[in-house]
């Protein structure tokens, strides 16, 4: 038995090294081929075919700035950093010198954020204030009544759709005497950013409603406090020492659900443009007591990591023009291998772009004493199933949907139906486009089999099978198919659209490309085995930590003198 166990361990070690070697070769090939293809279209006869290339600063190369979001964020970084410095320094001075907290900080943040939002949207801030004040009146009038959640969702969905249909409205449509206001509509389209404001409006309304009816929390606080160092400190009497989950789930006092705190929450400058999403309860509690989960050193390291990720993006956009190939339509003229690499590269570009945008604003909020949830909790290439992917991509939005939509709709009892409702809402929330609805429904179709298999694997009859090597191989194969499905769904929704997908399928699913498809699935299979190995390593680390804690508790118990 001992010999067999050692042989199994050595084989798993050899298997891991082979998988790592394959992954290095695979990623090296992707970078080399994408860089070579990009070079071909940046110089010579094909130069000019790609839209969105601009002169770069690395080695005299062109860089890919074809993505509007990334181009605007990158060009606006100097101004954003200046605003961040002024906003944060002034807030810190007011907190330290005047001892401002609670309503005092809410007033400061409201005034400072209002100046910021007026710069962004100009006179259109009047539309924002009108809709948000209507939401506040609705909440204060009907919160606590059984019909309120329905009224709140109807109100917010009506404006979400109406804002898009009428492209943010024109003042002239309300009378010619107001037409002059349309001359100053700011730097950003207000109805695009309003999507984030709408989520905060819902959070304020539902948090206040649940506080009024004293809705019981779904968290086992006894177990949570025992495992959470911050909540243990809070329980021992340390003021303000609470984790994000505790701040989110525990309602603040009714006096804190006031108009000033509400508007400060909706317009809070660090999180206004892109989030991460924070609930009203969590925001209001940090008005009184700034976050203590991150030290100054932690925040500095977080900022340094952001700088390194930014440099990685600069390297990527100088050498690999993934997005330019996608939006220019040039991908249609490439070989099947190159089409796959461009599709894979675009998704990695999108992941890194959103990571940089979200982490910049989260870093700003942390400097200001406000903790929010991390949006990108895992690398895109470390997700082998839909559930893990959606929990780690825009994680704050995922948890928001769980809190305000999934659980109120019945949670796991109606899981298969809830998936369709939630993803349809997510598509509409992003934009009113058929390609996004196609993405949502393709994702739901892919999710069905995964939910069924996971439900089956949780049964007691499968406990023994889950420990076998066959299960691990099946898991890796299923993971490779899941990754393929995820790529297709996201390419439909965010890159090529349904029409482009037909062309992509016709190019990739031909008989001569069957070997390529098998290589792609095999590569994802190897990648999934690596992911499973990483998870095993993490689980072993957690188990060692638990054993160490139990050992310490046992030693402490032995040191306590007996009194009998």
Protein backbone atom coordinates (compact mmCIF):
# COMPACT_ATOMS: atom_id res chain seq x y z
CA UNK A 1 0.00 0.00 0.00
CA UNK A 2 2.84 2.38 0.88
CA UNK A 3 4.61 1.61 -2.40
CA UNK A 4 1.40 2.17 -4.38
CA UNK A 5 0.81 5.51 -2.65
CA UNK A 6 4.38 6.62 -3.40
CA UNK A 7 4.05 5.61 -7.06
CA UNK A 8 0.76 7.53 -7.32
CA UNK A 9 2.34 10.58 -5.75
CA UNK A 10 5.37 10.46 -8.08
CA UNK A 11 3.09 10.04 -11.11
CA UNK A 12 1.00 13.03 -10.06
CA UNK A 13 4.23 15.02 -9.65
CA UNK A 14 5.42 13.99 -13.13
CA UNK A 15 1.98 14.75 -14.56
CA UNK A 16 2.06 18.23 -12.99
CA UNK A 17 5.51 19.00 -14.47
CA UNK A 18 4.38 17.83 -17.91
CA UNK A 19 1.27 20.01 -17.69
CA UNK A 20 3.34 23.02 -16.66
CA UNK A 21 5.76 22.42 -19.56
CA UNK A 22 2.86 22.16 -22.02
CA UNK A 23 1.28 25.35 -20.64
CA UNK A 24 4.57 27.26 -21.05
CA UNK A 25 4.93 26.08 -24.66
CA UNK A 26 1.26 26.88 -25.37
CA UNK A 27 1.41 30.43 -23.95
CA UNK A 28 4.76 31.04 -25.65
CA UNK A 29 3.30 29.99 -29.00
CA UNK A 30 0.25 32.23 -28.52
CA UNK A 31 2.41 35.29 -27.72
CA UNK A 32 4.86 34.59 -30.57
CA UNK A 33 2.16 33.96 -33.20
CA UNK A 34 0.01 36.93 -32.15
CA UNK A 35 3.04 39.24 -32.13
CA UNK A 36 4.13 38.01 -35.58
CA UNK A 37 0.61 38.51 -36.99
CA UNK A 38 0.43 41.98 -35.42
CA UNK A 39 3.77 42.93 -36.99
CA UNK A 40 2.48 41.84 -40.38
CA UNK A 41 -0.44 44.29 -40.15
CA UNK A 42 1.43 47.22 -38.56
CA UNK A 43 4.08 47.67 -41.27
CA UNK A 44 4.40 47.02 -44.97
CA UNK A 45 1.58 46.51 -47.46
CA UNK A 46 -1.05 45.69 -44.81
CA UNK A 47 -0.33 48.72 -42.61
CA UNK A 48 -3.51 50.71 -42.12
CA UNK A 49 -5.84 47.72 -42.24
CA UNK A 50 -6.25 47.75 -38.45
CA UNK A 51 -8.33 50.54 -36.92
CA UNK A 52 -7.32 52.15 -33.66
CA UNK A 53 -3.52 51.84 -33.81
CA UNK A 54 -1.62 54.84 -32.43
CA UNK A 55 2.10 55.68 -32.13
CA UNK A 56 3.46 54.01 -28.99
CA UNK A 57 6.42 54.58 -26.70
CA UNK A 58 8.06 51.13 -26.69
CA UNK A 59 10.64 50.49 -29.39
CA UNK A 60 8.99 52.86 -31.89
CA UNK A 61 6.05 50.46 -32.26
CA UNK A 62 2.40 51.26 -32.83
CA UNK A 63 0.04 50.41 -29.95
CA UNK A 64 -3.52 49.12 -29.96
CA UNK A 65 -5.88 51.79 -28.58
CA UNK A 66 -8.89 50.58 -30.56
CA UNK A 67 -10.95 49.87 -27.41
CA UNK A 68 -12.86 53.07 -26.54
CA UNK A 69 -13.11 52.29 -22.82
CA UNK A 70 -9.41 51.64 -22.45
CA UNK A 71 -8.38 54.58 -24.63
CA UNK A 72 -10.52 57.03 -22.63
CA UNK A 73 -9.40 55.63 -19.27
CA UNK A 74 -5.73 55.68 -20.25
CA UNK A 75 -5.85 59.21 -21.63
CA UNK A 76 -7.77 60.43 -18.58
CA UNK A 77 -5.41 58.86 -16.03
CA UNK A 78 -3.40 62.02 -15.27
CA UNK A 79 -6.57 64.00 -14.54
CA UNK A 80 -8.04 61.13 -12.50
CA UNK A 81 -4.88 60.89 -10.41
CA UNK A 82 -5.02 64.63 -9.72
CA UNK A 83 -8.66 64.42 -8.65
CA UNK A 84 -7.88 61.35 -6.53
CA UNK A 85 -5.04 63.14 -4.74
CA UNK A 86 -7.07 66.30 -4.04
CA UNK A 87 -10.19 64.39 -2.97
CA UNK A 88 -8.34 61.98 -0.69
CA UNK A 89 -5.98 64.52 0.93
CA UNK A 90 -8.79 66.95 1.70
CA UNK A 91 -10.97 64.17 3.13
CA UNK A 92 -8.12 62.85 5.30
CA UNK A 93 -7.40 66.36 6.62
CA UNK A 94 -11.04 66.94 7.54
CA UNK A 95 -11.24 63.58 9.31
CA UNK A 96 -8.04 64.09 11.29
CA UNK A 97 -8.23 67.82 12.08
CA UNK A 98 -11.97 68.32 12.53
CA UNK A 99 -12.82 64.76 13.55
CA UNK A 100 -15.51 64.53 10.87
CA UNK A 101 -17.44 61.27 10.63
CA UNK A 102 -20.94 60.13 9.84
CA UNK A 103 -23.09 62.95 8.49
CA UNK A 104 -20.12 65.36 8.41
CA UNK A 105 -18.14 63.14 6.03
CA UNK A 106 -21.32 62.49 4.04
CA UNK A 107 -21.74 66.26 3.49
CA UNK A 108 -18.13 66.66 2.38
CA UNK A 109 -18.24 63.67 0.03
CA UNK A 110 -21.57 64.86 -1.39
CA UNK A 111 -20.29 68.36 -2.16
CA UNK A 112 -16.96 67.16 -3.58
CA UNK A 113 -18.60 64.37 -5.60
CA UNK A 114 -21.27 66.73 -6.93
CA UNK A 115 -18.56 69.00 -8.38
CA UNK A 116 -16.96 65.91 -9.98
CA UNK A 117 -20.27 64.67 -11.45
CA UNK A 118 -21.19 68.14 -12.77
CA UNK A 119 -17.85 68.19 -14.61
CA UNK A 120 -18.57 64.73 -16.05
CA UNK A 121 -22.19 65.34 -17.10
CA UNK A 122 -22.72 69.10 -17.17
CA UNK A 123 -26.37 70.16 -17.02
CA UNK A 124 -27.47 66.51 -17.35
CA UNK A 125 -26.84 66.16 -13.62
CA UNK A 126 -30.39 67.60 -13.32
CA UNK A 127 -31.78 64.39 -14.86
CA UNK A 128 -29.79 62.31 -12.38
CA UNK A 129 -30.98 64.32 -9.38
CA UNK A 130 -34.61 64.23 -10.52
CA UNK A 131 -34.64 60.42 -10.90
CA UNK A 132 -32.68 59.75 -7.70
CA UNK A 133 -34.88 62.08 -5.61
CA UNK A 134 -37.94 60.30 -6.98
CA UNK A 135 -36.41 57.01 -5.85
CA UNK A 136 -35.73 58.46 -2.38
CA UNK A 137 -39.34 59.65 -2.00
CA UNK A 138 -40.63 56.26 -3.16
CA UNK A 139 -38.41 54.48 -0.62
CA UNK A 140 -39.33 56.73 2.30
CA UNK A 141 -43.03 56.49 1.47
CA UNK A 142 -43.42 52.74 0.92
CA UNK A 143 -40.45 50.91 2.52
CA UNK A 144 -41.69 48.31 4.97
CA UNK A 145 -44.78 47.46 2.92
CA UNK A 146 -45.00 44.13 1.09
CA UNK A 147 -45.48 45.75 -2.34
CA UNK A 148 -42.43 48.01 -2.02
CA UNK A 149 -39.78 45.71 -3.63
CA UNK A 150 -41.96 45.38 -6.74
CA UNK A 151 -42.56 49.15 -6.94
CA UNK A 152 -38.84 49.80 -6.51
CA UNK A 153 -37.79 47.40 -9.26
CA UNK A 154 -40.46 48.70 -11.65
CA UNK A 155 -39.37 52.31 -11.04
CA UNK A 156 -35.69 51.57 -11.61
CA UNK A 157 -36.15 49.28 -14.63
CA UNK A 158 -38.44 51.85 -16.25
CA UNK A 159 -35.75 54.52 -16.10
CA UNK A 160 -32.97 52.09 -17.01
CA UNK A 161 -34.73 51.25 -20.29
CA UNK A 162 -36.13 54.74 -20.91
CA UNK A 163 -32.71 56.37 -20.50
CA UNK A 164 -31.29 54.11 -23.20
CA UNK A 165 -34.25 54.39 -25.59
CA UNK A 166 -34.16 58.21 -25.49
CA UNK A 167 -30.32 58.41 -25.31
CA UNK A 168 -30.38 60.41 -22.10
CA UNK A 169 -33.18 62.79 -23.20
CA UNK A 170 -32.91 66.31 -24.58
CA UNK A 171 -33.82 69.35 -22.52
CA UNK A 172 -35.41 70.81 -25.66
CA UNK A 173 -38.01 68.02 -25.62
CA UNK A 174 -39.41 69.53 -22.41
CA UNK A 175 -39.76 72.97 -24.05
CA UNK A 176 -37.76 75.25 -26.30
CA UNK A 177 -36.99 77.51 -23.33
CA UNK A 178 -34.78 74.69 -21.95
CA UNK A 179 -32.89 74.04 -25.21
CA UNK A 180 -29.87 76.09 -24.09
CA UNK A 181 -29.16 73.48 -21.40
CA UNK A 182 -28.32 70.94 -24.13
CA UNK A 183 -25.21 72.94 -25.04
CA UNK A 184 -23.41 71.77 -21.88
CA UNK A 185 -23.86 68.02 -21.47
CA UNK A 186 -20.41 67.27 -19.98
CA UNK A 187 -17.60 64.91 -20.90
CA UNK A 188 -19.41 61.57 -20.45
CA UNK A 189 -22.90 60.43 -21.43
CA UNK A 190 -24.83 60.41 -18.17
CA UNK A 191 -27.24 57.63 -19.14
CA UNK A 192 -24.32 55.19 -19.59
CA UNK A 193 -22.98 55.83 -16.06
CA UNK A 194 -26.51 55.81 -14.68
CA UNK A 195 -26.46 51.99 -14.78
CA UNK A 196 -24.20 52.05 -11.72
CA UNK A 197 -26.36 54.70 -10.02
CA UNK A 198 -29.43 52.52 -10.57
CA UNK A 199 -27.80 49.61 -8.71
CA UNK A 200 -27.09 51.92 -5.76
CA UNK A 201 -30.66 53.22 -5.79
CA UNK A 202 -31.92 49.65 -5.51
CA UNK A 203 -29.43 48.88 -2.73
CA UNK A 204 -30.50 51.89 -0.65
CA UNK A 205 -34.18 51.07 -1.08
CA UNK A 206 -33.92 47.36 -0.28
CA UNK A 207 -31.46 47.81 2.60
CA UNK A 208 -33.83 50.35 4.18
CA UNK A 209 -36.86 48.13 3.51
CA UNK A 210 -35.20 45.10 5.10
CA UNK A 211 -34.14 47.21 8.10
CA UNK A 212 -37.74 48.34 8.56
CA UNK A 213 -39.12 44.79 8.51
CA UNK A 214 -36.16 43.36 10.50
CA UNK A 215 -35.39 40.71 7.90
CA UNK A 216 -33.24 37.97 9.45
CA UNK A 217 -29.73 37.56 8.04
CA UNK A 218 -28.75 34.38 6.19
CA UNK A 219 -25.29 34.48 7.84
CA UNK A 220 -24.48 32.27 10.83
CA UNK A 221 -22.84 35.01 12.89
CA UNK A 222 -21.52 32.70 15.61
CA UNK A 223 -19.51 30.66 13.11
CA UNK A 224 -18.50 33.75 11.15
CA UNK A 225 -17.22 35.64 14.20
CA UNK A 226 -15.17 32.62 15.26
CA UNK A 227 -13.40 32.55 11.87
CA UNK A 228 -13.15 36.32 11.19
CA UNK A 229 -10.37 38.20 13.00
CA UNK A 230 -11.96 41.63 12.44
CA UNK A 231 -15.36 40.57 13.73
CA UNK A 232 -13.68 38.94 16.74
CA UNK A 233 -12.10 42.30 17.53
CA UNK A 234 -15.46 44.02 17.14
CA UNK A 235 -17.09 41.50 19.46
CA UNK A 236 -14.41 42.23 22.07
CA UNK A 237 -15.30 45.93 21.99
CA UNK A 238 -12.91 47.41 19.40
CA UNK A 239 -14.89 50.17 17.66
CA UNK A 240 -15.17 49.96 13.87
CA UNK A 241 -13.41 46.59 13.56
CA UNK A 242 -15.80 44.76 11.23
CA UNK A 243 -15.33 42.92 7.96
CA UNK A 244 -17.11 43.86 4.74
CA UNK A 245 -19.67 41.05 5.09
CA UNK A 246 -20.64 42.26 8.56
CA UNK A 247 -20.97 45.87 7.35
CA UNK A 248 -23.12 44.73 4.43
CA UNK A 249 -25.47 42.39 6.28
CA UNK A 250 -26.06 44.38 9.46
CA UNK A 251 -28.35 47.39 8.98
CA UNK A 252 -27.25 50.80 10.18
CA UNK A 253 -29.44 52.93 12.43
CA UNK A 254 -32.60 54.36 10.83
CA UNK A 255 -31.23 57.91 11.18
CA UNK A 256 -28.38 56.99 8.78
CA UNK A 257 -30.85 56.28 5.97
CA UNK A 258 -31.08 60.02 5.28
CA UNK A 259 -31.01 62.16 2.14
CA UNK A 260 -27.43 63.42 2.57
CA UNK A 261 -25.98 59.92 3.07
CA UNK A 262 -28.14 58.63 0.19
CA UNK A 263 -26.88 61.23 -2.31
CA UNK A 264 -23.28 60.91 -1.06
CA UNK A 265 -23.56 57.14 -1.65
CA UNK A 266 -25.00 57.50 -5.15
CA UNK A 267 -22.47 60.10 -6.32
CA UNK A 268 -19.38 59.02 -4.32
CA UNK A 269 -16.58 60.05 -6.70
CA UNK A 270 -14.11 57.11 -6.37
CA UNK A 271 -16.80 54.54 -7.24
CA UNK A 272 -19.11 56.63 -9.43
CA UNK A 273 -17.84 55.76 -12.91
CA UNK A 274 -17.17 52.02 -12.70
CA UNK A 275 -17.50 50.74 -9.14
CA UNK A 276 -16.75 48.23 -7.61
CA UNK A 277 -20.31 48.02 -6.36
CA UNK A 278 -20.82 48.62 -2.66
CA UNK A 279 -24.07 48.23 -0.74
CA UNK A 280 -25.58 51.17 1.14
CA UNK A 281 -25.20 49.45 4.52
CA UNK A 282 -21.47 48.89 3.93
CA UNK A 283 -20.95 52.47 2.71
CA UNK A 284 -22.90 54.11 5.56
CA UNK A 285 -21.11 52.08 8.24
CA UNK A 286 -17.75 53.28 6.89
CA UNK A 287 -18.88 56.89 7.11
CA UNK A 288 -18.80 56.39 10.87
CA UNK A 289 -15.81 54.05 11.06
CA UNK A 290 -13.34 53.82 8.14
CA UNK A 291 -12.24 50.36 7.04
CA UNK A 292 -9.56 48.57 9.05
CA UNK A 293 -9.16 45.46 6.88
CA UNK A 294 -6.26 47.02 4.95
CA UNK A 295 -3.25 48.73 6.52
CA UNK A 296 -1.38 51.57 4.81
CA UNK A 297 1.27 49.06 3.79
CA UNK A 298 -1.40 46.77 2.26
CA UNK A 299 -2.82 49.68 0.27
CA UNK A 300 0.65 50.72 -0.96
CA UNK A 301 1.39 47.16 -2.14
CA UNK A 302 -2.03 47.07 -3.84
CA UNK A 303 -1.13 50.27 -5.71
CA UNK A 304 2.26 48.87 -6.73
CA UNK A 305 0.62 45.73 -8.10
CA UNK A 306 -1.69 47.95 -10.14
CA UNK A 307 1.32 49.73 -11.65
CA UNK A 308 2.85 46.38 -12.66
CA UNK A 309 -0.43 45.27 -14.26
CA UNK A 310 -0.58 48.59 -16.14
CA UNK A 311 2.93 48.00 -17.53
CA UNK A 312 1.83 44.51 -18.61
CA UNK A 313 -1.09 46.07 -20.50
CA UNK A 314 1.27 48.55 -22.16
CA UNK A 315 3.47 45.66 -23.32
CA UNK A 316 0.44 43.71 -24.56
CA UNK A 317 -1.03 46.60 -26.55
CA UNK A 318 2.35 47.35 -28.15
CA UNK A 319 3.03 43.80 -29.34
CA UNK A 320 -0.36 42.06 -29.70
CA UNK A 321 -3.18 43.92 -31.47
CA UNK A 322 -5.97 41.57 -30.39
CA UNK A 323 -8.79 44.10 -30.13
CA UNK A 324 -7.85 45.92 -33.34
CA UNK A 325 -8.14 42.64 -35.28
CA UNK A 326 -11.57 42.03 -33.76
CA UNK A 327 -13.17 45.44 -34.34
CA UNK A 328 -11.61 45.94 -37.80
CA UNK A 329 -13.04 42.66 -39.09
CA UNK A 330 -9.56 41.62 -40.27
CA UNK A 331 -9.85 38.42 -38.22
CA UNK A 332 -12.10 37.07 -40.98
CA UNK A 333 -9.08 36.95 -43.33
CA UNK A 334 -6.80 35.09 -40.93
CA UNK A 335 -6.04 31.37 -40.71
CA UNK A 336 -8.09 29.23 -38.28
CA UNK A 337 -5.13 29.07 -35.86
CA UNK A 338 -4.81 32.86 -35.89
CA UNK A 339 -8.59 33.29 -35.46
CA UNK A 340 -8.46 31.15 -32.33
CA UNK A 341 -5.48 33.09 -30.96
CA UNK A 342 -7.20 36.44 -31.61
CA UNK A 343 -10.40 35.24 -29.88
CA UNK A 344 -8.42 33.94 -26.91
CA UNK A 345 -6.32 37.12 -26.81
CA UNK A 346 -9.34 39.46 -26.93
CA UNK A 347 -10.82 37.83 -23.82
CA UNK A 348 -7.51 38.16 -21.97
CA UNK A 349 -7.27 41.81 -23.07
CA UNK A 350 -10.80 42.46 -21.77
CA UNK A 351 -10.00 40.81 -18.44
CA UNK A 352 -6.83 42.88 -17.95
CA UNK A 353 -8.60 46.08 -19.04
CA UNK A 354 -11.40 45.69 -16.50
CA UNK A 355 -8.96 44.60 -13.80
CA UNK A 356 -7.02 47.85 -14.24
CA UNK A 357 -10.10 50.06 -14.34
CA UNK A 358 -11.81 48.47 -11.33
CA UNK A 359 -8.67 48.21 -9.22
CA UNK A 360 -7.78 51.86 -9.84
CA UNK A 361 -11.11 53.04 -8.42
CA UNK A 362 -10.99 50.49 -5.60
CA UNK A 363 -7.49 51.75 -4.72
CA UNK A 364 -8.85 55.31 -4.60
CA UNK A 365 -11.69 54.23 -2.29
CA UNK A 366 -9.28 52.35 0.01
CA UNK A 367 -7.12 55.47 0.36
CA UNK A 368 -10.32 57.28 1.34
CA UNK A 369 -11.14 54.71 4.04
CA UNK A 370 -13.86 52.85 2.11
CA UNK A 371 -13.44 49.11 1.54
CA UNK A 372 -15.19 47.55 -1.42
CA UNK A 373 -15.08 44.02 -2.76
CA UNK A 374 -12.38 43.00 -5.22
CA UNK A 375 -13.93 42.60 -8.69
CA UNK A 376 -11.33 40.32 -10.32
CA UNK A 377 -10.65 37.68 -7.71
CA UNK A 378 -9.10 35.14 -10.10
CA UNK A 379 -7.19 35.18 -13.34
CA UNK A 380 -9.37 34.53 -16.38
CA UNK A 381 -7.18 31.53 -17.19
CA UNK A 382 -7.84 29.98 -13.77
CA UNK A 383 -11.59 29.39 -14.24
CA UNK A 384 -12.77 26.07 -15.64
CA UNK A 385 -16.51 26.31 -14.96
CA UNK A 386 -19.22 28.93 -15.36
CA UNK A 387 -19.94 29.29 -11.66
CA UNK A 388 -16.29 30.04 -10.80
CA UNK A 389 -15.97 32.39 -13.76
CA UNK A 390 -18.97 34.52 -12.76
CA UNK A 391 -17.97 34.58 -9.10
CA UNK A 392 -14.53 35.91 -10.00
CA UNK A 393 -15.31 38.24 -12.96
CA UNK A 394 -17.00 41.44 -11.67
CA UNK A 395 -17.36 39.70 -8.32
CA UNK A 396 -18.99 42.68 -6.57
CA UNK A 397 -21.76 42.63 -9.19
CA UNK A 398 -22.17 38.88 -8.77
CA UNK A 399 -22.60 39.24 -5.01
CA UNK A 400 -24.93 42.18 -5.53
CA UNK A 401 -27.15 40.01 -7.76
CA UNK A 402 -27.11 37.21 -5.20
CA UNK A 403 -28.15 39.59 -2.39
CA UNK A 404 -30.78 41.64 -4.21
CA UNK A 405 -32.12 39.29 -6.89
CA UNK A 406 -31.16 35.62 -6.50
CA UNK A 407 -32.09 35.20 -2.82
CA UNK A 408 -35.34 37.26 -3.05
CA UNK A 409 -36.36 35.14 -6.07
CA UNK A 410 -36.10 31.98 -3.97
CA UNK A 411 -32.40 31.14 -4.16
CA UNK A 412 -31.37 27.57 -4.90
CA UNK A 413 -34.97 26.29 -4.80
CA UNK A 414 -35.59 27.95 -8.18
CA UNK A 415 -32.01 27.95 -9.43
CA UNK A 416 -32.71 26.82 -13.00
CA UNK A 417 -35.36 29.52 -13.51
CA UNK A 418 -33.44 32.21 -11.64
CA UNK A 419 -30.44 31.86 -13.96
CA UNK A 420 -32.57 32.95 -16.93
CA UNK A 421 -34.10 35.92 -15.08
CA UNK A 422 -30.76 37.13 -13.71
CA UNK A 423 -28.77 36.86 -16.95
CA UNK A 424 -31.55 38.54 -18.93
CA UNK A 425 -31.42 41.41 -16.44
CA UNK A 426 -27.61 41.52 -16.69
CA UNK A 427 -27.84 41.78 -20.50
CA UNK A 428 -30.44 44.59 -20.36
CA UNK A 429 -28.43 46.36 -17.65
CA UNK A 430 -25.35 46.40 -19.89
CA UNK A 431 -27.21 47.67 -22.97
CA UNK A 432 -30.30 47.14 -25.12
CA UNK A 433 -28.69 45.00 -27.81
CA UNK A 434 -29.59 41.62 -29.27
CA UNK A 435 -25.98 40.45 -29.10
CA UNK A 436 -26.03 40.85 -25.31
CA UNK A 437 -29.31 38.97 -25.01
CA UNK A 438 -27.77 36.27 -27.21
CA UNK A 439 -24.78 36.14 -24.87
CA UNK A 440 -27.06 35.88 -21.82
CA UNK A 441 -29.18 33.07 -23.23
CA UNK A 442 -26.19 31.11 -24.59
CA UNK A 443 -24.69 31.34 -21.09
CA UNK A 444 -27.93 30.04 -19.55
CA UNK A 445 -27.99 27.10 -21.97
CA UNK A 446 -24.41 26.25 -21.03
CA UNK A 447 -25.19 26.63 -17.33
CA UNK A 448 -28.01 24.05 -17.34
CA UNK A 449 -25.85 20.93 -17.81
CA UNK A 450 -23.26 22.27 -15.35
CA UNK A 451 -25.89 22.76 -12.64
CA UNK A 452 -27.24 19.26 -13.23
CA UNK A 453 -23.79 17.63 -13.05
CA UNK A 454 -22.84 19.59 -9.91
CA UNK A 455 -26.12 18.63 -8.24
CA UNK A 456 -25.42 14.99 -9.05
CA UNK A 457 -21.85 15.21 -7.72
CA UNK A 458 -23.12 16.54 -4.36
CA UNK A 459 -25.14 13.39 -3.68
CA UNK A 460 -23.74 10.87 -1.11
CA UNK A 461 -23.57 8.16 -3.77
CA UNK A 462 -20.87 10.13 -5.62
CA UNK A 463 -18.60 10.71 -2.61
CA UNK A 464 -16.43 7.67 -3.40
CA UNK A 465 -16.25 8.39 -7.14
CA UNK A 466 -14.99 11.96 -6.48
CA UNK A 467 -11.82 10.52 -4.91
CA UNK A 468 -10.87 8.47 -7.97
CA UNK A 469 -8.48 9.30 -10.81
CA UNK A 470 -11.30 8.75 -13.34
CA UNK A 471 -13.32 11.54 -11.73
CA UNK A 472 -10.38 13.90 -12.02
CA UNK A 473 -9.98 13.10 -15.72
CA UNK A 474 -13.70 13.58 -16.33
CA UNK A 475 -13.53 16.88 -14.44
CA UNK A 476 -10.65 18.06 -16.62
CA UNK A 477 -12.45 17.06 -19.84
CA UNK A 478 -15.67 18.76 -18.73
CA UNK A 479 -13.64 21.83 -17.80
CA UNK A 480 -12.10 22.02 -21.27
CA UNK A 481 -15.56 21.92 -22.86
CA UNK A 482 -16.78 24.56 -20.40
CA UNK A 483 -13.89 26.89 -21.28
CA UNK A 484 -14.68 26.46 -24.99
CA UNK A 485 -18.32 27.34 -24.30
CA UNK A 486 -17.32 30.37 -22.22
CA UNK A 487 -15.11 31.64 -25.05
CA UNK A 488 -17.93 31.28 -27.57
CA UNK A 489 -20.52 32.97 -25.32
CA UNK A 490 -18.27 35.96 -24.58
CA UNK A 491 -17.18 36.33 -28.19
CA UNK A 492 -20.86 36.45 -29.23
CA UNK A 493 -21.77 38.98 -26.56
CA UNK A 494 -18.82 41.33 -26.56
CA UNK A 495 -16.75 40.90 -29.73
CA UNK A 496 -18.19 39.47 -32.97
CA UNK A 497 -21.94 39.31 -32.27
CA UNK A 498 -24.37 36.61 -33.51
CA UNK A 499 -23.65 37.30 -37.20
CA UNK A 500 -19.90 37.12 -36.67
CA UNK A 501 -20.41 33.88 -34.78
CA UNK A 502 -21.94 32.26 -37.87
CA UNK A 503 -18.86 33.17 -39.90
CA UNK A 504 -16.56 32.03 -37.10
CA UNK A 505 -18.36 28.68 -36.91
CA UNK A 506 -18.16 28.19 -40.68
CA UNK A 507 -14.40 28.78 -40.58
CA UNK A 508 -13.61 26.70 -37.48
CA UNK A 509 -16.00 23.74 -37.83
CA UNK A 510 -14.93 22.54 -41.26
CA UNK A 511 -13.61 18.99 -41.66
CA UNK A 512 -10.02 20.07 -42.28
CA UNK A 513 -9.97 21.97 -38.98
CA UNK A 514 -10.98 19.00 -36.80
CA UNK A 515 -7.34 18.40 -35.72
CA UNK A 516 -7.07 22.06 -34.66
CA UNK A 517 -10.27 21.80 -32.61
CA UNK A 518 -8.92 18.70 -30.90
CA UNK A 519 -5.67 20.53 -30.08
CA UNK A 520 -7.65 23.46 -28.65
CA UNK A 521 -9.77 21.19 -26.44
CA UNK A 522 -6.67 19.25 -25.37
CA UNK A 523 -4.93 22.52 -24.44
CA UNK A 524 -7.90 23.55 -22.30
CA UNK A 525 -7.91 20.05 -20.80
CA UNK A 526 -4.27 20.49 -19.74
CA UNK A 527 -5.11 23.95 -18.42
CA UNK A 528 -7.97 22.54 -16.34
CA UNK A 529 -5.68 19.91 -14.82
CA UNK A 530 -3.34 22.73 -13.77
CA UNK A 531 -6.27 24.62 -12.23
CA UNK A 532 -7.29 21.53 -10.28
CA UNK A 533 -3.70 21.14 -9.10
CA UNK A 534 -3.66 24.77 -7.89
CA UNK A 535 -6.92 24.21 -6.01
CA UNK A 536 -5.55 21.06 -4.37
CA UNK A 537 -2.47 23.01 -3.25
CA UNK A 538 -4.68 25.80 -1.82
CA UNK A 539 -6.90 23.29 -0.02
CA UNK A 540 -3.88 21.60 1.54
CA UNK A 541 -2.65 25.01 2.72
CA UNK A 542 -6.02 25.75 4.31
CA UNK A 543 -6.06 22.34 5.97
CA UNK A 544 -2.58 22.89 7.43
CA UNK A 545 -3.71 26.28 8.77
CA UNK A 546 -6.77 24.70 10.39
CA UNK A 547 -4.63 21.97 11.96
CA UNK A 548 -2.23 24.61 13.28
CA UNK A 549 -5.10 26.61 14.79
CA UNK A 550 -6.55 23.48 16.40
CA UNK A 551 -3.11 22.62 17.83
CA UNK A 552 -2.76 26.14 19.29
CA UNK A 553 -6.24 25.94 20.82
CA UNK A 554 -5.36 22.55 22.33
CA UNK A 555 -2.13 23.92 23.85
CA UNK A 556 -3.99 26.91 25.26
CA UNK A 557 -6.59 24.60 26.81
CA UNK A 558 -3.80 22.59 28.48
CA UNK A 559 -2.29 25.76 29.93
CA UNK A 560 -5.54 26.76 31.65
CA UNK A 561 -5.26 25.57 35.32
CA UNK A 562 -7.86 23.10 36.50
CA UNK A 563 -10.12 24.28 39.31
CA UNK A 564 -11.70 20.94 40.25
